[in-house]
Amino acid sequence: TKLTKEGEGKYINPTYYKSLVGCLRYLTCTRPDILFGVGLISRYMETP
């Protein structure tokens, strides 16, 4: 999967996206298997 800053599709509410990413980041405390994916999507919080 290749993600870019520009992304594809419609814009997502940044507050909603940041909340989701924040929840997933906290979940990585016990789920290191999702760490790479969560780190990747964390890069696009300004204009998801």
ModelCIF file with pLDDT and N, C-alpha, C, O atoms, coordinates in Angstrom:
data_MODEL
#
_entry.id   MODEL 
#
_entity.id                         1 
_entity.type                       polymer 
_entity.pdbx_number_of_molecules   1 
#
_entity_poly.entity_id                      1 
_entity_poly.type                           'polypeptide(L)' 
_entity_poly.nstd_linkage                   no 
_entity_poly.nstd_monomer                   no 
_entity_poly.pdbx_seq_one_letter_code       TKLTKEGEGKYINPTYYKSLVGCLRYLTCTRPDILFGVGLISRYMETP 
_entity_poly.pdbx_seq_one_letter_code_can   TKLTKEGEGKYINPTYYKSLVGCLRYLTCTRPDILFGVGLISRYMETP 
_entity_poly.pdbx_strand_id                 A 
#
loop_
_entity_poly_seq.entity_id 
_entity_poly_seq.num 
_entity_poly_seq.mon_id 
_entity_poly_seq.hetero 
1 1  THR n 
1 2  LYS n 
1 3  LEU n 
1 4  THR n 
1 5  LYS n 
1 6  GLU n 
1 7  GLY n 
1 8  GLU n 
1 9  GLY n 
1 10 LYS n 
1 11 TYR n 
1 12 ILE n 
1 13 ASN n 
1 14 PRO n 
1 15 THR n 
1 16 TYR n 
1 17 TYR n 
1 18 LYS n 
1 19 SER n 
1 20 LEU n 
1 21 VAL n 
1 22 GLY n 
1 23 CYS n 
1 24 LEU n 
1 25 ARG n 
1 26 TYR n 
1 27 LEU n 
1 28 THR n 
1 29 CYS n 
1 30 THR n 
1 31 ARG n 
1 32 PRO n 
1 33 ASP n 
1 34 ILE n 
1 35 LEU n 
1 36 PHE n 
1 37 GLY n 
1 38 VAL n 
1 39 GLY n 
1 40 LEU n 
1 41 ILE n 
1 42 SER n 
1 43 ARG n 
1 44 TYR n 
1 45 MET n 
1 46 GLU n 
1 47 THR n 
1 48 PRO n 
#
_struct_asym.id          A 
_struct_asym.entity_id   1 
#
loop_
_ma_qa_metric.id 
_ma_qa_metric.mode 
_ma_qa_metric.name 
_ma_qa_metric.software_group_id 
_ma_qa_metric.type 
1 global pLDDT . pLDDT 
2 local  pLDDT . pLDDT 
#
_ma_qa_metric_global.metric_id      1 
_ma_qa_metric_global.metric_value   92.48 
_ma_qa_metric_global.model_id       1 
_ma_qa_metric_global.ordinal_id     1 
#
loop_
_ma_qa_metric_local.label_asym_id 
_ma_qa_metric_local.label_comp_id 
_ma_qa_metric_local.label_seq_id 
_ma_qa_metric_local.metric_id 
_ma_qa_metric_local.metric_value 
_ma_qa_metric_local.model_id 
_ma_qa_metric_local.ordinal_id 
A THR 1  2 83.00 1 1  
A LYS 2  2 86.00 1 2  
A LEU 3  2 89.00 1 3  
A THR 4  2 89.00 1 4  
A LYS 5  2 89.00 1 5  
A GLU 6  2 88.00 1 6  
A GLY 7  2 88.00 1 7  
A GLU 8  2 91.00 1 8  
A GLY 9  2 92.00 1 9  
A LYS 10 2 95.00 1 10 
A TYR 11 2 95.00 1 11 
A ILE 12 2 93.00 1 12 
A ASN 13 2 95.00 1 13 
A PRO 14 2 94.00 1 14 
A THR 15 2 95.00 1 15 
A TYR 16 2 96.00 1 16 
A TYR 17 2 96.00 1 17 
A LYS 18 2 96.00 1 18 
A SER 19 2 96.00 1 19 
A LEU 20 2 96.00 1 20 
A VAL 21 2 96.00 1 21 
A GLY 22 2 96.00 1 22 
A CYS 23 2 95.00 1 23 
A LEU 24 2 95.00 1 24 
A ARG 25 2 95.00 1 25 
A TYR 26 2 94.00 1 26 
A LEU 27 2 93.00 1 27 
A THR 28 2 93.00 1 28 
A CYS 29 2 89.00 1 29 
A THR 30 2 91.00 1 30 
A ARG 31 2 91.00 1 31 
A PRO 32 2 91.00 1 32 
A ASP 33 2 90.00 1 33 
A ILE 34 2 91.00 1 34 
A LEU 35 2 92.00 1 35 
A PHE 36 2 91.00 1 36 
A GLY 37 2 91.00 1 37 
A VAL 38 2 93.00 1 38 
A GLY 39 2 93.00 1 39 
A LEU 40 2 92.00 1 40 
A ILE 41 2 93.00 1 41 
A SER 42 2 94.00 1 42 
A ARG 43 2 94.00 1 43 
A TYR 44 2 94.00 1 44 
A MET 45 2 92.00 1 45 
A GLU 46 2 91.00 1 46 
A THR 47 2 92.00 1 47 
A PRO 48 2 95.00 1 48 
#
loop_
_atom_site.group_PDB 
_atom_site.id 
_atom_site.type_symbol 
_atom_site.label_atom_id 
_atom_site.label_alt_id 
_atom_site.label_comp_id 
_atom_site.label_asym_id 
_atom_site.label_entity_id 
_atom_site.label_seq_id 
_atom_site.pdbx_PDB_ins_code 
_atom_site.Cartn_x 
_atom_site.Cartn_y 
_atom_site.Cartn_z 
_atom_site.occupancy 
_atom_site.B_iso_or_equiv 
_atom_site.pdbx_formal_charge 
_atom_site.auth_seq_id 
_atom_site.auth_comp_id 
_atom_site.auth_asym_id 
_atom_site.auth_atom_id 
_atom_site.pdbx_PDB_model_num 
ATOM 1   N N  . THR A 1 1  ? 0.837   -1.192 0.000  1.00 83.00 ? 1  THR A N  1 
ATOM 2   C CA . THR A 1 1  ? 0.000   0.000  0.000  1.00 83.00 ? 1  THR A CA 1 
ATOM 3   C C  . THR A 1 1  ? 0.880   1.252  0.000  1.00 83.00 ? 1  THR A C  1 
ATOM 4   O O  . THR A 1 1  ? 1.786   1.389  0.822  1.00 83.00 ? 1  THR A O  1 
ATOM 5   N N  . LYS A 1 2  ? 0.602   2.148  -0.921 1.00 86.00 ? 2  LYS A N  1 
ATOM 6   C CA . LYS A 1 2  ? 1.337   3.410  -1.009 1.00 86.00 ? 2  LYS A CA 1 
ATOM 7   C C  . LYS A 1 2  ? 0.382   4.545  -0.657 1.00 86.00 ? 2  LYS A C  1 
ATOM 8   O O  . LYS A 1 2  ? -0.634  4.745  -1.323 1.00 86.00 ? 2  LYS A O  1 
ATOM 9   N N  . LEU A 1 3  ? 0.714   5.276  0.382  1.00 89.00 ? 3  LEU A N  1 
ATOM 10  C CA . LEU A 1 3  ? -0.074  6.440  0.748  1.00 89.00 ? 3  LEU A CA 1 
ATOM 11  C C  . LEU A 1 3  ? 0.762   7.683  0.489  1.00 89.00 ? 3  LEU A C  1 
ATOM 12  O O  . LEU A 1 3  ? 1.978   7.685  0.685  1.00 89.00 ? 3  LEU A O  1 
ATOM 13  N N  . THR A 1 4  ? 0.087   8.745  0.044  1.00 89.00 ? 4  THR A N  1 
ATOM 14  C CA . THR A 1 4  ? 0.777   10.009 -0.206 1.00 89.00 ? 4  THR A CA 1 
ATOM 15  C C  . THR A 1 4  ? 0.061   11.114 0.559  1.00 89.00 ? 4  THR A C  1 
ATOM 16  O O  . THR A 1 4  ? -1.075  10.943 1.001  1.00 89.00 ? 4  THR A O  1 
ATOM 17  N N  . LYS A 1 5  ? 0.730   12.234 0.707  1.00 89.00 ? 5  LYS A N  1 
ATOM 18  C CA . LYS A 1 5  ? 0.144   13.366 1.415  1.00 89.00 ? 5  LYS A CA 1 
ATOM 19  C C  . LYS A 1 5  ? -1.138  13.833 0.720  1.00 89.00 ? 5  LYS A C  1 
ATOM 20  O O  . LYS A 1 5  ? -2.104  14.218 1.379  1.00 89.00 ? 5  LYS A O  1 
ATOM 21  N N  . GLU A 1 6  ? -1.137  13.798 -0.592 1.00 88.00 ? 6  GLU A N  1 
ATOM 22  C CA . GLU A 1 6  ? -2.306  14.243 -1.347 1.00 88.00 ? 6  GLU A CA 1 
ATOM 23  C C  . GLU A 1 6  ? -3.481  13.281 -1.161 1.00 88.00 ? 6  GLU A C  1 
ATOM 24  O O  . GLU A 1 6  ? -4.632  13.711 -1.100 1.00 88.00 ? 6  GLU A O  1 
ATOM 25  N N  . GLY A 1 7  ? -3.191  11.987 -1.070 1.00 88.00 ? 7  GLY A N  1 
ATOM 26  C CA . GLY A 1 7  ? -4.236  10.987 -0.877 1.00 88.00 ? 7  GLY A CA 1 
ATOM 27  C C  . GLY A 1 7  ? -5.221  10.931 -2.019 1.00 88.00 ? 7  GLY A C  1 
ATOM 28  O O  . GLY A 1 7  ? -5.146  11.709 -2.970 1.00 88.00 ? 7  GLY A O  1 
ATOM 29  N N  . GLU A 1 8  ? -6.143  9.999  -1.909 1.00 91.00 ? 8  GLU A N  1 
ATOM 30  C CA . GLU A 1 8  ? -7.186  9.855  -2.922 1.00 91.00 ? 8  GLU A CA 1 
ATOM 31  C C  . GLU A 1 8  ? -8.532  9.882  -2.232 1.00 91.00 ? 8  GLU A C  1 
ATOM 32  O O  . GLU A 1 8  ? -8.659  9.499  -1.069 1.00 91.00 ? 8  GLU A O  1 
ATOM 33  N N  . GLY A 1 9  ? -9.537  10.339 -2.962 1.00 92.00 ? 9  GLY A N  1 
ATOM 34  C CA . GLY A 1 9  ? -10.898 10.361 -2.436 1.00 92.00 ? 9  GLY A CA 1 
ATOM 35  C C  . GLY A 1 9  ? -11.245 11.693 -1.790 1.00 92.00 ? 9  GLY A C  1 
ATOM 36  O O  . GLY A 1 9  ? -10.547 12.694 -1.957 1.00 92.00 ? 9  GLY A O  1 
ATOM 37  N N  . LYS A 1 10 ? -12.351 11.673 -1.045 1.00 95.00 ? 10 LYS A N  1 
ATOM 38  C CA . LYS A 1 10 ? -12.858 12.885 -0.413 1.00 95.00 ? 10 LYS A CA 1 
ATOM 39  C C  . LYS A 1 10 ? -12.089 13.179 0.874  1.00 95.00 ? 10 LYS A C  1 
ATOM 40  O O  . LYS A 1 10 ? -11.489 12.290 1.479  1.00 95.00 ? 10 LYS A O  1 
ATOM 41  N N  . TYR A 1 11 ? -12.126 14.451 1.274  1.00 95.00 ? 11 TYR A N  1 
ATOM 42  C CA . TYR A 1 11 ? -11.527 14.849 2.539  1.00 95.00 ? 11 TYR A CA 1 
ATOM 43  C C  . TYR A 1 11 ? -12.339 14.260 3.696  1.00 95.00 ? 11 TYR A C  1 
ATOM 44  O O  . TYR A 1 11 ? -13.562 14.146 3.616  1.00 95.00 ? 11 TYR A O  1 
ATOM 45  N N  . ILE A 1 12 ? -11.652 13.897 4.750  1.00 93.00 ? 12 ILE A N  1 
ATOM 46  C CA . ILE A 1 12 ? -12.256 13.373 5.970  1.00 93.00 ? 12 ILE A CA 1 
ATOM 47  C C  . ILE A 1 12 ? -12.131 14.453 7.038  1.00 93.00 ? 12 ILE A C  1 
ATOM 48  O O  . ILE A 1 12 ? -11.158 15.207 7.041  1.00 93.00 ? 12 ILE A O  1 
ATOM 49  N N  . ASN A 1 13 ? -13.086 14.537 7.929  1.00 95.00 ? 13 ASN A N  1 
ATOM 50  C CA . ASN A 1 13 ? -13.028 15.474 9.045  1.00 95.00 ? 13 ASN A CA 1 
ATOM 51  C C  . ASN A 1 13 ? -11.741 15.214 9.832  1.00 95.00 ? 13 ASN A C  1 
ATOM 52  O O  . ASN A 1 13 ? -11.586 14.129 10.392 1.00 95.00 ? 13 ASN A O  1 
ATOM 53  N N  . PRO A 1 14 ? -10.812 16.180 9.889  1.00 94.00 ? 14 PRO A N  1 
ATOM 54  C CA . PRO A 1 14 ? -9.532  15.962 10.573 1.00 94.00 ? 14 PRO A CA 1 
ATOM 55  C C  . PRO A 1 14 ? -9.690  15.628 12.059 1.00 94.00 ? 14 PRO A C  1 
ATOM 56  O O  . PRO A 1 14 ? -8.902  14.858 12.608 1.00 94.00 ? 14 PRO A O  1 
ATOM 57  N N  . THR A 1 15 ? -10.706 16.206 12.710 1.00 95.00 ? 15 THR A N  1 
ATOM 58  C CA . THR A 1 15 ? -10.921 15.922 14.133 1.00 95.00 ? 15 THR A CA 1 
ATOM 59  C C  . THR A 1 15 ? -11.290 14.459 14.331 1.00 95.00 ? 15 THR A C  1 
ATOM 60  O O  . THR A 1 15 ? -10.783 13.803 15.241 1.00 95.00 ? 15 THR A O  1 
ATOM 61  N N  . TYR A 1 16 ? -12.166 13.953 13.483 1.00 96.00 ? 16 TYR A N  1 
ATOM 62  C CA . TYR A 1 16 ? -12.569 12.538 13.534 1.00 96.00 ? 16 TYR A CA 1 
ATOM 63  C C  . TYR A 1 16 ? -11.346 11.638 13.298 1.00 96.00 ? 16 TYR A C  1 
ATOM 64  O O  . TYR A 1 16 ? -11.120 10.674 14.029 1.00 96.00 ? 16 TYR A O  1 
ATOM 65  N N  . TYR A 1 17 ? -10.574 11.971 12.275 1.00 96.00 ? 17 TYR A N  1 
ATOM 66  C CA . TYR A 1 17 ? -9.402  11.175 11.907 1.00 96.00 ? 17 TYR A CA 1 
ATOM 67  C C  . TYR A 1 17 ? -8.365  11.185 13.031 1.00 96.00 ? 17 TYR A C  1 
ATOM 68  O O  . TYR A 1 17 ? -7.809  10.141 13.371 1.00 96.00 ? 17 TYR A O  1 
ATOM 69  N N  . LYS A 1 18 ? -8.107  12.354 13.606 1.00 96.00 ? 18 LYS A N  1 
ATOM 70  C CA . LYS A 1 18 ? -7.134  12.463 14.698 1.00 96.00 ? 18 LYS A CA 1 
ATOM 71  C C  . LYS A 1 18 ? -7.589  11.669 15.912 1.00 96.00 ? 18 LYS A C  1 
ATOM 72  O O  . LYS A 1 18 ? -6.773  11.046 16.591 1.00 96.00 ? 18 LYS A O  1 
ATOM 73  N N  . SER A 1 19 ? -8.872  11.688 16.184 1.00 96.00 ? 19 SER A N  1 
ATOM 74  C CA . SER A 1 19 ? -9.409  10.920 17.310 1.00 96.00 ? 19 SER A CA 1 
ATOM 75  C C  . SER A 1 19 ? -9.200  9.428  17.083 1.00 96.00 ? 19 SER A C  1 
ATOM 76  O O  . SER A 1 19 ? -8.784  8.707  17.990 1.00 96.00 ? 19 SER A O  1 
ATOM 77  N N  . LEU A 1 20 ? -9.488  8.971  15.874 1.00 96.00 ? 20 LEU A N  1 
ATOM 78  C CA . LEU A 1 20 ? -9.302  7.562  15.526 1.00 96.00 ? 20 LEU A CA 1 
ATOM 79  C C  . LEU A 1 20 ? -7.828  7.164  15.632 1.00 96.00 ? 20 LEU A C  1 
ATOM 80  O O  . LEU A 1 20 ? -7.503  6.136  16.226 1.00 96.00 ? 20 LEU A O  1 
ATOM 81  N N  . VAL A 1 21 ? -6.951  7.966  15.065 1.00 96.00 ? 21 VAL A N  1 
ATOM 82  C CA . VAL A 1 21 ? -5.513  7.664  15.111 1.00 96.00 ? 21 VAL A CA 1 
ATOM 83  C C  . VAL A 1 21 ? -5.015  7.665  16.559 1.00 96.00 ? 21 VAL A C  1 
ATOM 84  O O  . VAL A 1 21 ? -4.221  6.807  16.943 1.00 96.00 ? 21 VAL A O  1 
ATOM 85  N N  . GLY A 1 22 ? -5.479  8.621  17.356 1.00 96.00 ? 22 GLY A N  1 
ATOM 86  C CA . GLY A 1 22 ? -5.091  8.672  18.767 1.00 96.00 ? 22 GLY A CA 1 
ATOM 87  C C  . GLY A 1 22 ? -5.503  7.414  19.516 1.00 96.00 ? 22 GLY A C  1 
ATOM 88  O O  . GLY A 1 22 ? -4.729  6.868  20.301 1.00 96.00 ? 22 GLY A O  1 
ATOM 89  N N  . CYS A 1 23 ? -6.721  6.960  19.271 1.00 95.00 ? 23 CYS A N  1 
ATOM 90  C CA . CYS A 1 23 ? -7.203  5.716  19.898 1.00 95.00 ? 23 CYS A CA 1 
ATOM 91  C C  . CYS A 1 23 ? -6.340  4.532  19.468 1.00 95.00 ? 23 CYS A C  1 
ATOM 92  O O  . CYS A 1 23 ? -5.967  3.699  20.294 1.00 95.00 ? 23 CYS A O  1 
ATOM 93  N N  . LEU A 1 24 ? -6.026  4.459  18.186 1.00 95.00 ? 24 LEU A N  1 
ATOM 94  C CA . LEU A 1 24 ? -5.205  3.356  17.679 1.00 95.00 ? 24 LEU A CA 1 
ATOM 95  C C  . LEU A 1 24 ? -3.779  3.428  18.225 1.00 95.00 ? 24 LEU A C  1 
ATOM 96  O O  . LEU A 1 24 ? -3.171  2.397  18.514 1.00 95.00 ? 24 LEU A O  1 
ATOM 97  N N  . ARG A 1 25 ? -3.249  4.637  18.367 1.00 95.00 ? 25 ARG A N  1 
ATOM 98  C CA . ARG A 1 25 ? -1.887  4.783  18.918 1.00 95.00 ? 25 ARG A CA 1 
ATOM 99  C C  . ARG A 1 25 ? -1.841  4.244  20.343 1.00 95.00 ? 25 ARG A C  1 
ATOM 100 O O  . ARG A 1 25 ? -0.886  3.566  20.722 1.00 95.00 ? 25 ARG A O  1 
ATOM 101 N N  . TYR A 1 26 ? -2.877  4.544  21.138 1.00 94.00 ? 26 TYR A N  1 
ATOM 102 C CA . TYR A 1 26 ? -2.900  4.053  22.516 1.00 94.00 ? 26 TYR A CA 1 
ATOM 103 C C  . TYR A 1 26 ? -3.044  2.527  22.535 1.00 94.00 ? 26 TYR A C  1 
ATOM 104 O O  . TYR A 1 26 ? -2.514  1.865  23.427 1.00 94.00 ? 26 TYR A O  1 
ATOM 105 N N  . LEU A 1 27 ? -3.740  1.985  21.579 1.00 93.00 ? 27 LEU A N  1 
ATOM 106 C CA . LEU A 1 27 ? -3.931  0.534  21.498 1.00 93.00 ? 27 LEU A CA 1 
ATOM 107 C C  . LEU A 1 27 ? -2.630  -0.203 21.194 1.00 93.00 ? 27 LEU A C  1 
ATOM 108 O O  . LEU A 1 27 ? -2.511  -1.394 21.485 1.00 93.00 ? 27 LEU A O  1 
ATOM 109 N N  . THR A 1 28 ? -1.660  0.489  20.616 1.00 93.00 ? 28 THR A N  1 
ATOM 110 C CA . THR A 1 28 ? -0.383  -0.165 20.305 1.00 93.00 ? 28 THR A CA 1 
ATOM 111 C C  . THR A 1 28 ? 0.404   -0.545 21.571 1.00 93.00 ? 28 THR A C  1 
ATOM 112 O O  . THR A 1 28 ? 1.401   -1.260 21.484 1.00 93.00 ? 28 THR A O  1 
ATOM 113 N N  . CYS A 1 29 ? -0.038  -0.072 22.741 1.00 89.00 ? 29 CYS A N  1 
ATOM 114 C CA . CYS A 1 29 ? 0.626   -0.467 24.006 1.00 89.00 ? 29 CYS A CA 1 
ATOM 115 C C  . CYS A 1 29 ? 0.639   -1.987 24.160 1.00 89.00 ? 29 CYS A C  1 
ATOM 116 O O  . CYS A 1 29 ? 1.617   -2.571 24.626 1.00 89.00 ? 29 CYS A O  1 
ATOM 117 N N  . THR A 1 30 ? -0.469  -2.612 23.757 1.00 91.00 ? 30 THR A N  1 
ATOM 118 C CA . THR A 1 30 ? -0.559  -4.070 23.875 1.00 91.00 ? 30 THR A CA 1 
ATOM 119 C C  . THR A 1 30 ? -0.674  -4.762 22.522 1.00 91.00 ? 30 THR A C  1 
ATOM 120 O O  . THR A 1 30 ? -0.776  -5.987 22.456 1.00 91.00 ? 30 THR A O  1 
ATOM 121 N N  . ARG A 1 31 ? -0.659  -3.990 21.456 1.00 91.00 ? 31 ARG A N  1 
ATOM 122 C CA . ARG A 1 31 ? -0.793  -4.561 20.109 1.00 91.00 ? 31 ARG A CA 1 
ATOM 123 C C  . ARG A 1 31 ? 0.318   -4.058 19.201 1.00 91.00 ? 31 ARG A C  1 
ATOM 124 O O  . ARG A 1 31 ? 0.060   -3.262 18.299 1.00 91.00 ? 31 ARG A O  1 
ATOM 125 N N  . PRO A 1 32 ? 1.548   -4.506 19.422 1.00 91.00 ? 32 PRO A N  1 
ATOM 126 C CA . PRO A 1 32 ? 2.646   -4.031 18.567 1.00 91.00 ? 32 PRO A CA 1 
ATOM 127 C C  . PRO A 1 32 ? 2.482   -4.443 17.109 1.00 91.00 ? 32 PRO A C  1 
ATOM 128 O O  . PRO A 1 32 ? 3.145   -3.888 16.233 1.00 91.00 ? 32 PRO A O  1 
ATOM 129 N N  . ASP A 1 33 ? 1.600   -5.418 16.836 1.00 90.00 ? 33 ASP A N  1 
ATOM 130 C CA . ASP A 1 33 ? 1.380   -5.860 15.461 1.00 90.00 ? 33 ASP A CA 1 
ATOM 131 C C  . ASP A 1 33 ? 0.730   -4.791 14.593 1.00 90.00 ? 33 ASP A C  1 
ATOM 132 O O  . ASP A 1 33 ? 0.813   -4.864 13.366 1.00 90.00 ? 33 ASP A O  1 
ATOM 133 N N  . ILE A 1 34 ? 0.081   -3.795 15.206 1.00 91.00 ? 34 ILE A N  1 
ATOM 134 C CA . ILE A 1 34 ? -0.544  -2.735 14.409 1.00 91.00 ? 34 ILE A CA 1 
ATOM 135 C C  . ILE A 1 34 ? 0.309   -1.469 14.371 1.00 91.00 ? 34 ILE A C  1 
ATOM 136 O O  . ILE A 1 34 ? -0.084  -0.473 13.764 1.00 91.00 ? 34 ILE A O  1 
ATOM 137 N N  . LEU A 1 35 ? 1.456   -1.505 15.005 1.00 92.00 ? 35 LEU A N  1 
ATOM 138 C CA . LEU A 1 35 ? 2.300   -0.313 15.140 1.00 92.00 ? 35 LEU A CA 1 
ATOM 139 C C  . LEU A 1 35 ? 2.702   0.293  13.795 1.00 92.00 ? 35 LEU A C  1 
ATOM 140 O O  . LEU A 1 35 ? 2.629   1.510  13.627 1.00 92.00 ? 35 LEU A O  1 
ATOM 141 N N  . PHE A 1 36 ? 3.122   -0.527 12.841 1.00 91.00 ? 36 PHE A N  1 
ATOM 142 C CA . PHE A 1 36 ? 3.537   0.010  11.547 1.00 91.00 ? 36 PHE A CA 1 
ATOM 143 C C  . PHE A 1 36 ? 2.374   0.722  10.856 1.00 91.00 ? 36 PHE A C  1 
ATOM 144 O O  . PHE A 1 36 ? 2.526   1.853  10.392 1.00 91.00 ? 36 PHE A O  1 
ATOM 145 N N  . GLY A 1 37 ? 1.216   0.065  10.785 1.00 91.00 ? 37 GLY A N  1 
ATOM 146 C CA . GLY A 1 37 ? 0.055   0.659  10.118 1.00 91.00 ? 37 GLY A CA 1 
ATOM 147 C C  . GLY A 1 37 ? -0.401  1.937  10.785 1.00 91.00 ? 37 GLY A C  1 
ATOM 148 O O  . GLY A 1 37 ? -0.742  2.903  10.103 1.00 91.00 ? 37 GLY A O  1 
ATOM 149 N N  . VAL A 1 38 ? -0.412  1.959  12.110 1.00 93.00 ? 38 VAL A N  1 
ATOM 150 C CA . VAL A 1 38 ? -0.830  3.156  12.841 1.00 93.00 ? 38 VAL A CA 1 
ATOM 151 C C  . VAL A 1 38 ? 0.187   4.285  12.632 1.00 93.00 ? 38 VAL A C  1 
ATOM 152 O O  . VAL A 1 38 ? -0.192  5.444  12.461 1.00 93.00 ? 38 VAL A O  1 
ATOM 153 N N  . GLY A 1 39 ? 1.460   3.945  12.647 1.00 93.00 ? 39 GLY A N  1 
ATOM 154 C CA . GLY A 1 39 ? 2.491   4.951  12.380 1.00 93.00 ? 39 GLY A CA 1 
ATOM 155 C C  . GLY A 1 39 ? 2.348   5.543  10.987 1.00 93.00 ? 39 GLY A C  1 
ATOM 156 O O  . GLY A 1 39 ? 2.534   6.743  10.787 1.00 93.00 ? 39 GLY A O  1 
ATOM 157 N N  . LEU A 1 40 ? 2.016   4.689  10.027 1.00 92.00 ? 40 LEU A N  1 
ATOM 158 C CA . LEU A 1 40 ? 1.855   5.145  8.652  1.00 92.00 ? 40 LEU A CA 1 
ATOM 159 C C  . LEU A 1 40 ? 0.697   6.128  8.519  1.00 92.00 ? 40 LEU A C  1 
ATOM 160 O O  . LEU A 1 40 ? 0.855   7.191  7.919  1.00 92.00 ? 40 LEU A O  1 
ATOM 161 N N  . ILE A 1 41 ? -0.458  5.786  9.068  1.00 93.00 ? 41 ILE A N  1 
ATOM 162 C CA . ILE A 1 41 ? -1.615  6.686  8.924  1.00 93.00 ? 41 ILE A CA 1 
ATOM 163 C C  . ILE A 1 41 ? -1.483  7.940  9.789  1.00 93.00 ? 41 ILE A C  1 
ATOM 164 O O  . ILE A 1 41 ? -2.174  8.931  9.554  1.00 93.00 ? 41 ILE A O  1 
ATOM 165 N N  . SER A 1 42 ? -0.598  7.899  10.788 1.00 94.00 ? 42 SER A N  1 
ATOM 166 C CA . SER A 1 42 ? -0.377  9.069  11.641 1.00 94.00 ? 42 SER A CA 1 
ATOM 167 C C  . SER A 1 42 ? 0.239   10.225 10.862 1.00 94.00 ? 42 SER A C  1 
ATOM 168 O O  . SER A 1 42 ? 0.151   11.375 11.292 1.00 94.00 ? 42 SER A O  1 
ATOM 169 N N  . ARG A 1 43 ? 0.853   9.941  9.738  1.00 94.00 ? 43 ARG A N  1 
ATOM 170 C CA . ARG A 1 43 ? 1.520   10.975 8.941  1.00 94.00 ? 43 ARG A CA 1 
ATOM 171 C C  . ARG A 1 43 ? 0.540   11.907 8.226  1.00 94.00 ? 43 ARG A C  1 
ATOM 172 O O  . ARG A 1 43 ? 0.929   12.972 7.748  1.00 94.00 ? 43 ARG A O  1 
ATOM 173 N N  . TYR A 1 44 ? -0.727  11.506 8.154  1.00 94.00 ? 44 TYR A N  1 
ATOM 174 C CA . TYR A 1 44 ? -1.668  12.221 7.295  1.00 94.00 ? 44 TYR A CA 1 
ATOM 175 C C  . TYR A 1 44 ? -2.809  12.854 8.085  1.00 94.00 ? 44 TYR A C  1 
ATOM 176 O O  . TYR A 1 44 ? -3.944  12.889 7.610  1.00 94.00 ? 44 TYR A O  1 
ATOM 177 N N  . MET A 1 45 ? -2.520  13.352 9.281  1.00 92.00 ? 45 MET A N  1 
ATOM 178 C CA . MET A 1 45 ? -3.587  13.879 10.137 1.00 92.00 ? 45 MET A CA 1 
ATOM 179 C C  . MET A 1 45 ? -4.034  15.293 9.774  1.00 92.00 ? 45 MET A C  1 
ATOM 180 O O  . MET A 1 45 ? -5.124  15.700 10.177 1.00 92.00 ? 45 MET A O  1 
ATOM 181 N N  . GLU A 1 46 ? -3.250  16.040 9.043  1.00 91.00 ? 46 GLU A N  1 
ATOM 182 C CA . GLU A 1 46 ? -3.629  17.420 8.719  1.00 91.00 ? 46 GLU A CA 1 
ATOM 183 C C  . GLU A 1 46 ? -4.728  17.492 7.664  1.00 91.00 ? 46 GLU A C  1 
ATOM 184 O O  . GLU A 1 46 ? -5.695  18.237 7.823  1.00 91.00 ? 46 GLU A O  1 
ATOM 185 N N  . THR A 1 47 ? -4.584  16.728 6.596  1.00 92.00 ? 47 THR A N  1 
ATOM 186 C CA . THR A 1 47 ? -5.601  16.751 5.527  1.00 92.00 ? 47 THR A CA 1 
ATOM 187 C C  . THR A 1 47 ? -5.922  15.317 5.104  1.00 92.00 ? 47 THR A C  1 
ATOM 188 O O  . THR A 1 47 ? -5.594  14.906 3.991  1.00 92.00 ? 47 THR A O  1 
ATOM 189 N N  . PRO A 1 48 ? -6.564  14.557 5.996  1.00 95.00 ? 48 PRO A N  1 
ATOM 190 C CA . PRO A 1 48 ? -6.850  13.152 5.673  1.00 95.00 ? 48 PRO A CA 1 
ATOM 191 C C  . PRO A 1 48 ? -7.929  13.010 4.605  1.00 95.00 ? 48 PRO A C  1 
ATOM 192 O O  . PRO A 1 48 ? -8.280  11.893 4.227  1.00 95.00 ? 48 PRO A O  1 
#
